[in-house]
């Protein structure tokens, strides 16, 4: 996958000069391509100046010296002591479908979306046992750890020494969305590579080549993707009736509450509905809402082509809604949505968070834009 060409050039140069660190942390949102970059680099390390068969084995995730570790949980199939090896087929399928997938999407893949997935001590033992053996093909061995921030304290401590001093020709590639949640002792043992946002051109190409999106649609979606493949896909996948209906209900209640205090009970019911979802879906909904407000702002100021891609919720008259989103309230609205996401991430009470946000919107949406 041809992304982050300048970063690829730097890493290729390191391989050619034999200056590769024993542990590298690819830090960045999954939608920026941190996992595809790690997999690309694993291919360079294992197949540099080798045959096409080696490349194919890595790309098919079948190379004997390419190992993985990822967070897991008990499921209907694995009822106790889940290990990495229990989910290897799921992992291969997950990467083939969407190598930009998030931790939540991975948890959905294994049927654990309602549980906390972690890298446990059983998996740490698996890593130690795997790396105690010699490489199958006599060259390097690569251990890719997806979302190492999901290690519990016990598993992280078990792996500290081997990450610091791995066996000969063994390289750890860690892929983290939230490096700030990693133990400092883990970070200190790694070379940190911050994976940046993708360019619009790169997003467009990935959408066309990997997700078979039509060129015209890929071009439009790439413009509002914020350099993030997952945000680009959300423009298509999360234009769901449920999200649209609840956004329209939220805004409509905010308008009506100014003249009818009884509407507050409807806002309470709305917050209860959203609070019943799991955290990841709540965060997706907040992102969906933020996108609509941004697009309404752009439409309000008639920004030409920038306003072409719009999510227009049913039961909400777009032309009537747009004038109420302007420079005098957009910062407050987006700050409130960001605050809600912040408190959700820290396990705040979802019902209180959404009720508070719902009530505040009754004030924000009626704020007047100063006359020019």
Protein backbone atom coordinates (compact mmCIF):
# COMPACT_ATOMS: atom_id res chain seq x y z
CA UNK A 1 0.00 0.00 0.00
CA UNK A 2 1.62 3.22 -1.16
CA UNK A 3 1.19 5.66 1.74
CA UNK A 4 3.55 7.91 3.69
CA UNK A 5 6.24 7.74 1.00
CA UNK A 6 8.67 10.01 2.88
CA UNK A 7 8.40 7.84 6.00
CA UNK A 8 8.85 4.71 3.90
CA UNK A 9 11.99 6.23 2.39
CA UNK A 10 13.44 6.90 5.86
CA UNK A 11 12.73 3.35 7.01
CA UNK A 12 14.11 1.84 3.80
CA UNK A 13 17.29 3.83 4.33
CA UNK A 14 17.56 2.46 7.88
CA UNK A 15 17.24 -1.12 6.58
CA UNK A 16 19.87 -0.54 3.90
CA UNK A 17 22.30 0.92 6.44
CA UNK A 18 21.45 -1.82 8.96
CA UNK A 19 20.45 0.83 11.50
CA UNK A 20 17.10 -0.60 12.54
CA UNK A 21 16.10 -0.31 16.19
CA UNK A 22 15.20 -3.51 18.04
CA UNK A 23 11.82 -1.99 19.04
CA UNK A 24 9.84 0.60 17.06
CA UNK A 25 6.62 2.23 18.17
CA UNK A 26 4.34 3.41 15.36
CA UNK A 27 2.19 6.01 17.12
CA UNK A 28 -0.88 7.44 15.43
CA UNK A 29 -4.57 7.02 14.78
CA UNK A 30 -5.39 3.72 13.09
CA UNK A 31 -7.04 5.75 10.32
CA UNK A 32 -3.67 7.34 9.49
CA UNK A 33 -2.27 3.93 8.54
CA UNK A 34 -0.07 3.06 11.53
CA UNK A 35 -0.78 -0.70 11.18
CA UNK A 36 -0.29 -0.78 7.37
CA UNK A 37 3.01 1.06 7.91
CA UNK A 38 4.14 -1.54 10.45
CA UNK A 39 3.16 -4.38 8.11
CA UNK A 40 4.93 -2.70 5.19
CA UNK A 41 8.07 -2.33 7.31
CA UNK A 42 7.85 -5.97 8.44
CA UNK A 43 7.90 -6.92 4.75
CA UNK A 44 11.02 -4.85 4.15
CA UNK A 45 12.75 -6.42 7.14
CA UNK A 46 11.85 -10.00 6.23
CA UNK A 47 12.03 -9.84 2.44
CA UNK A 48 14.72 -7.30 1.61
CA UNK A 49 16.48 -8.58 -1.53
CA UNK A 50 14.57 -11.87 -1.35
CA UNK A 51 12.14 -13.62 -3.68
CA UNK A 52 8.56 -12.74 -4.48
CA UNK A 53 7.42 -15.78 -2.52
CA UNK A 54 8.62 -14.12 0.70
CA UNK A 55 6.70 -10.95 -0.14
CA UNK A 56 3.56 -12.93 -0.86
CA UNK A 57 3.82 -14.84 2.43
CA UNK A 58 4.07 -11.60 4.39
CA UNK A 59 1.22 -9.97 2.48
CA UNK A 60 -0.92 -13.07 3.12
CA UNK A 61 0.10 -12.93 6.81
CA UNK A 62 1.47 -16.46 6.47
CA UNK A 63 5.21 -15.87 6.94
CA UNK A 64 6.57 -18.22 9.62
CA UNK A 65 8.75 -15.46 11.15
CA UNK A 66 6.03 -12.82 11.27
CA UNK A 67 4.23 -12.99 14.62
CA UNK A 68 1.38 -10.99 16.09
CA UNK A 69 -0.14 -10.05 19.39
CA UNK A 70 -3.40 -8.13 19.82
CA UNK A 71 -5.90 -7.51 22.62
CA UNK A 72 -8.48 -10.23 23.23
CA UNK A 73 -11.30 -11.19 25.60
CA UNK A 74 -13.42 -14.18 26.39
CA UNK A 75 -16.09 -14.86 23.76
CA UNK A 76 -18.76 -17.42 22.97
CA UNK A 77 -16.03 -19.52 21.32
CA UNK A 78 -13.19 -18.89 23.80
CA UNK A 79 -14.67 -19.01 27.27
CA UNK A 80 -11.54 -18.83 29.44
CA UNK A 81 -7.88 -17.79 29.29
CA UNK A 82 -8.02 -16.29 25.77
CA UNK A 83 -4.72 -16.32 23.88
CA UNK A 84 -3.45 -14.68 20.72
CA UNK A 85 -3.40 -17.99 18.85
CA UNK A 86 -7.13 -18.49 19.53
CA UNK A 87 -7.97 -15.58 17.24
CA UNK A 88 -5.35 -15.77 14.49
CA UNK A 89 -7.82 -16.54 11.68
CA UNK A 90 -10.01 -13.65 12.82
CA UNK A 91 -6.94 -11.40 12.82
CA UNK A 92 -5.98 -12.30 9.27
CA UNK A 93 -9.52 -11.69 8.08
CA UNK A 94 -9.65 -8.36 9.97
CA UNK A 95 -6.48 -7.03 8.31
CA UNK A 96 -7.47 -8.21 4.83
CA UNK A 97 -10.80 -6.41 5.06
CA UNK A 98 -9.55 -3.18 6.60
CA UNK A 99 -5.94 -2.75 7.77
CA UNK A 100 -6.99 0.70 9.05
CA UNK A 101 -9.50 -0.87 11.47
CA UNK A 102 -9.79 0.38 15.04
CA UNK A 103 -9.62 -1.48 18.32
CA UNK A 104 -13.40 -1.37 18.57
CA UNK A 105 -13.77 -2.86 15.09
CA UNK A 106 -11.34 -5.59 16.11
CA UNK A 107 -13.42 -6.32 19.22
CA UNK A 108 -16.50 -6.57 16.97
CA UNK A 109 -14.66 -9.02 14.72
CA UNK A 110 -14.05 -11.45 17.59
CA UNK A 111 -17.50 -10.92 19.14
CA UNK A 112 -16.28 -9.00 22.18
CA UNK A 113 -17.56 -5.49 21.45
CA UNK A 114 -19.29 -5.29 24.84
CA UNK A 115 -16.16 -6.28 26.75
CA UNK A 116 -12.82 -4.70 27.49
CA UNK A 117 -10.19 -6.29 25.30
CA UNK A 118 -6.68 -6.54 26.77
CA UNK A 119 -3.29 -8.10 26.16
CA UNK A 120 -3.11 -10.48 29.11
CA UNK A 121 -0.38 -12.42 30.88
CA UNK A 122 -1.24 -15.60 28.93
CA UNK A 123 -0.41 -13.71 25.74
CA UNK A 124 2.80 -12.36 27.24
CA UNK A 125 3.84 -15.96 27.91
CA UNK A 126 3.00 -16.84 24.31
CA UNK A 127 5.34 -14.08 23.10
CA UNK A 128 8.15 -15.29 25.36
CA UNK A 129 7.67 -18.91 24.24
CA UNK A 130 7.50 -17.99 20.54
CA UNK A 131 10.64 -15.88 20.68
CA UNK A 132 12.56 -18.52 22.64
CA UNK A 133 12.61 -20.62 19.44
CA UNK A 134 14.90 -20.09 16.47
CA UNK A 135 13.60 -18.34 13.39
CA UNK A 136 12.13 -20.70 10.80
CA UNK A 137 13.91 -19.16 7.80
CA UNK A 138 17.17 -18.26 9.49
CA UNK A 139 16.76 -14.49 9.22
CA UNK A 140 14.94 -11.85 11.21
CA UNK A 141 11.83 -12.43 13.30
CA UNK A 142 9.18 -9.75 13.66
CA UNK A 143 6.69 -9.42 16.52
CA UNK A 144 3.89 -6.94 15.74
CA UNK A 145 1.94 -5.84 18.82
CA UNK A 146 -1.33 -4.09 17.97
CA UNK A 147 -2.58 -1.63 20.62
CA UNK A 148 0.14 -2.29 23.23
CA UNK A 149 -1.61 0.27 25.48
CA UNK A 150 -4.13 -2.51 26.18
CA UNK A 151 -1.51 -4.52 28.09
CA UNK A 152 -2.35 -4.90 31.75
CA UNK A 153 0.40 -4.11 34.25
CA UNK A 154 1.34 -7.75 34.71
CA UNK A 155 1.73 -8.50 31.00
CA UNK A 156 3.63 -5.26 30.38
CA UNK A 157 6.08 -6.08 33.16
CA UNK A 158 6.59 -9.60 31.76
CA UNK A 159 7.56 -8.13 28.38
CA UNK A 160 9.75 -5.25 29.53
CA UNK A 161 13.04 -7.14 29.47
CA UNK A 162 12.53 -8.90 26.14
CA UNK A 163 11.49 -5.63 24.48
CA UNK A 164 14.63 -3.99 25.86
CA UNK A 165 16.91 -6.92 25.00
CA UNK A 166 15.21 -9.14 22.40
CA UNK A 167 16.84 -12.30 21.07
CA UNK A 168 19.21 -11.90 18.14
CA UNK A 169 17.58 -10.71 14.88
CA UNK A 170 14.26 -10.13 16.63
CA UNK A 171 12.43 -6.84 16.12
CA UNK A 172 9.33 -5.58 17.91
CA UNK A 173 6.92 -3.35 15.99
CA UNK A 174 4.35 -1.77 18.31
CA UNK A 175 1.27 -0.06 16.84
CA UNK A 176 -0.38 2.35 19.27
CA UNK A 177 -3.31 4.75 18.99
CA UNK A 178 -2.77 6.09 22.51
CA UNK A 179 0.95 5.99 23.33
CA UNK A 180 0.32 8.24 26.32
CA UNK A 181 -1.39 5.26 27.98
CA UNK A 182 1.67 3.04 27.61
CA UNK A 183 4.00 2.51 30.55
CA UNK A 184 6.87 5.03 30.28
CA UNK A 185 9.27 2.11 30.67
CA UNK A 186 7.85 0.56 27.47
CA UNK A 187 8.13 3.82 25.52
CA UNK A 188 11.72 4.36 26.71
CA UNK A 189 12.71 1.06 25.11
CA UNK A 190 11.35 2.00 21.67
CA UNK A 191 12.20 4.26 18.80
CA UNK A 192 9.01 6.31 18.43
CA UNK A 193 7.73 7.06 14.92
CA UNK A 194 4.76 9.42 14.83
CA UNK A 195 2.58 8.43 11.88
CA UNK A 196 1.02 11.63 10.42
CA UNK A 197 -2.34 12.18 8.77
CA UNK A 198 -2.66 10.98 5.20
CA UNK A 199 -2.84 13.46 2.35
CA UNK A 200 -6.12 13.83 0.45
CA UNK A 201 -4.44 12.15 -2.51
CA UNK A 202 -3.43 9.15 -0.37
CA UNK A 203 -6.91 8.83 1.16
CA UNK A 204 -8.48 8.96 -2.30
CA UNK A 205 -6.15 6.25 -3.63
CA UNK A 206 -6.76 3.94 -0.66
CA UNK A 207 -10.53 4.34 -1.02
CA UNK A 208 -10.33 3.49 -4.71
CA UNK A 209 -7.77 0.71 -4.58
CA UNK A 210 -8.52 -1.08 -1.30
CA UNK A 211 -12.22 -0.33 -0.82
CA UNK A 212 -13.25 -0.25 -4.51
CA UNK A 213 -14.89 3.15 -4.16
CA UNK A 214 -15.92 4.99 -7.30
CA UNK A 215 -13.38 7.73 -8.22
CA UNK A 216 -15.84 10.63 -8.02
CA UNK A 217 -17.11 9.59 -4.58
CA UNK A 218 -13.58 8.81 -3.32
CA UNK A 219 -12.45 12.28 -4.35
CA UNK A 220 -15.32 14.00 -2.53
CA UNK A 221 -15.02 11.92 0.62
CA UNK A 222 -11.23 12.39 0.75
CA UNK A 223 -11.73 16.16 0.95
CA UNK A 224 -13.58 15.87 4.26
CA UNK A 225 -11.66 12.90 5.69
CA UNK A 226 -9.18 14.91 7.80
CA UNK A 227 -6.46 12.59 6.49
CA UNK A 228 -8.10 9.62 8.23
CA UNK A 229 -9.37 6.55 6.36
CA UNK A 230 -11.81 5.66 9.11
CA UNK A 231 -13.34 9.13 9.10
CA UNK A 232 -13.64 8.83 5.32
CA UNK A 233 -15.45 5.51 5.67
CA UNK A 234 -17.72 6.94 8.35
CA UNK A 235 -18.98 9.49 5.83
CA UNK A 236 -20.41 6.53 3.96
CA UNK A 237 -20.99 3.83 6.56
CA UNK A 238 -22.36 5.89 9.43
CA UNK A 239 -24.94 7.83 7.47
CA UNK A 240 -27.34 5.57 9.34
CA UNK A 241 -31.00 6.17 9.89
CA UNK A 242 -30.55 5.84 13.64
CA UNK A 243 -27.83 8.51 13.86
CA UNK A 244 -29.74 10.84 11.54
CA UNK A 245 -33.00 10.39 13.43
CA UNK A 246 -31.40 11.08 16.82
CA UNK A 247 -29.47 14.10 15.57
CA UNK A 248 -32.68 15.56 14.12
CA UNK A 249 -34.51 14.84 17.38
CA UNK A 250 -31.76 16.54 19.41
CA UNK A 251 -31.81 19.73 17.34
CA UNK A 252 -35.60 19.82 17.03
CA UNK A 253 -36.00 19.50 20.81
CA UNK A 254 -33.44 22.27 21.32
CA UNK A 255 -35.50 24.60 19.13
CA UNK A 256 -38.81 23.74 20.82
CA UNK A 257 -37.56 23.87 24.42
CA UNK A 258 -37.21 27.65 24.29
CA UNK A 259 -40.98 28.07 24.30
CA UNK A 260 -42.03 24.80 25.92
CA UNK A 261 -40.24 23.67 29.07
CA UNK A 262 -42.06 20.32 28.93
CA UNK A 263 -39.77 19.41 26.01
CA UNK A 264 -37.02 18.81 28.58
CA UNK A 265 -38.61 15.42 29.23
CA UNK A 266 -38.07 14.60 25.53
CA UNK A 267 -34.42 15.63 25.88
CA UNK A 268 -34.17 13.30 28.88
CA UNK A 269 -35.61 10.44 26.82
CA UNK A 270 -33.17 11.26 24.02
CA UNK A 271 -30.20 11.16 26.39
CA UNK A 272 -31.39 7.83 27.83
CA UNK A 273 -31.50 6.30 24.34
CA UNK A 274 -27.97 7.40 23.42
CA UNK A 275 -26.66 6.42 26.88
CA UNK A 276 -27.88 2.84 26.31
CA UNK A 277 -25.28 2.32 23.56
CA UNK A 278 -21.73 1.15 24.16
CA UNK A 279 -19.02 3.78 24.49
CA UNK A 280 -17.56 3.43 21.00
CA UNK A 281 -20.91 3.90 19.31
CA UNK A 282 -21.59 6.94 21.50
CA UNK A 283 -18.27 8.43 20.38
CA UNK A 284 -19.11 7.67 16.75
CA UNK A 285 -22.42 9.47 17.19
CA UNK A 286 -20.66 12.52 18.65
CA UNK A 287 -18.29 12.56 15.67
CA UNK A 288 -21.29 12.27 13.35
CA UNK A 289 -22.96 15.26 15.06
CA UNK A 290 -19.79 17.34 14.91
CA UNK A 291 -19.51 16.65 11.18
CA UNK A 292 -23.07 17.84 10.56
CA UNK A 293 -22.50 21.07 12.48
CA UNK A 294 -19.25 21.73 10.57
CA UNK A 295 -20.97 21.09 7.24
CA UNK A 296 -23.86 23.34 8.24
CA UNK A 297 -21.38 26.10 9.06
CA UNK A 298 -19.69 25.72 5.69
CA UNK A 299 -23.06 25.75 3.93
CA UNK A 300 -24.09 28.85 5.88
CA UNK A 301 -21.11 30.76 4.55
CA UNK A 302 -21.46 29.22 1.06
CA UNK A 303 -17.98 27.81 0.64
CA UNK A 304 -18.58 26.40 -2.84
CA UNK A 305 -17.07 22.97 -3.47
CA UNK A 306 -16.17 22.51 0.18
CA UNK A 307 -19.87 22.21 0.97
CA UNK A 308 -20.62 19.55 -1.64
CA UNK A 309 -20.46 16.54 0.67
CA UNK A 310 -23.25 16.91 3.20
CA UNK A 311 -25.00 14.62 5.61
CA UNK A 312 -28.58 15.86 5.58
CA UNK A 313 -30.62 14.16 8.29
CA UNK A 314 -34.16 13.24 7.39
CA UNK A 315 -36.94 15.08 9.23
CA UNK A 316 -34.69 18.14 9.54
CA UNK A 317 -35.05 20.85 6.95
CA UNK A 318 -31.45 21.56 5.97
CA UNK A 319 -32.09 25.02 4.58
CA UNK A 320 -33.92 26.00 7.75
CA UNK A 321 -31.27 24.51 10.06
CA UNK A 322 -28.13 25.94 8.44
CA UNK A 323 -28.68 29.64 9.36
CA UNK A 324 -28.67 28.71 13.06
CA UNK A 325 -25.07 27.44 12.86
CA UNK A 326 -22.66 30.35 12.59
CA UNK A 327 -19.47 31.93 13.89
CA UNK A 328 -21.04 32.99 17.18
CA UNK A 329 -22.05 29.53 18.36
CA UNK A 330 -20.05 26.93 16.42
CA UNK A 331 -17.11 27.02 18.86
CA UNK A 332 -19.41 26.46 21.85
CA UNK A 333 -21.25 23.64 20.08
CA UNK A 334 -18.10 21.79 19.01
CA UNK A 335 -16.45 22.36 22.40
CA UNK A 336 -19.48 20.81 24.09
CA UNK A 337 -19.33 17.76 21.80
CA UNK A 338 -15.58 17.42 22.47
CA UNK A 339 -16.19 17.74 26.22
CA UNK A 340 -18.76 14.96 26.04
CA UNK A 341 -16.29 12.70 24.21
CA UNK A 342 -13.60 13.57 26.79
CA UNK A 343 -15.80 12.58 29.74
CA UNK A 344 -16.99 9.40 28.00
CA UNK A 345 -13.37 8.38 27.47
CA UNK A 346 -12.85 8.76 31.22
CA UNK A 347 -15.86 6.60 32.00
CA UNK A 348 -18.22 9.40 33.01
CA UNK A 349 -21.93 8.69 33.45
CA UNK A 350 -23.22 8.62 29.86
CA UNK A 351 -26.80 9.56 30.76
CA UNK A 352 -25.65 12.69 32.64
CA UNK A 353 -23.17 13.60 29.88
CA UNK A 354 -25.77 13.44 27.09
CA UNK A 355 -28.51 15.06 29.16
CA UNK A 356 -26.20 17.97 29.96
CA UNK A 357 -25.20 18.29 26.30
CA UNK A 358 -28.82 18.09 25.17
CA UNK A 359 -29.91 20.87 27.53
CA UNK A 360 -26.99 23.15 26.64
CA UNK A 361 -27.89 22.91 22.96
CA UNK A 362 -31.17 24.71 23.74
CA UNK A 363 -29.05 27.75 24.56
CA UNK A 364 -26.42 27.44 21.85
CA UNK A 365 -28.82 26.95 18.93
CA UNK A 366 -30.75 30.14 19.74
CA UNK A 367 -27.67 32.31 20.07
CA UNK A 368 -27.90 35.17 17.57
CA UNK A 369 -25.17 36.03 15.12
CA UNK A 370 -24.29 39.73 15.40
CA UNK A 371 -25.54 41.81 12.51
CA UNK A 372 -22.84 43.00 10.16
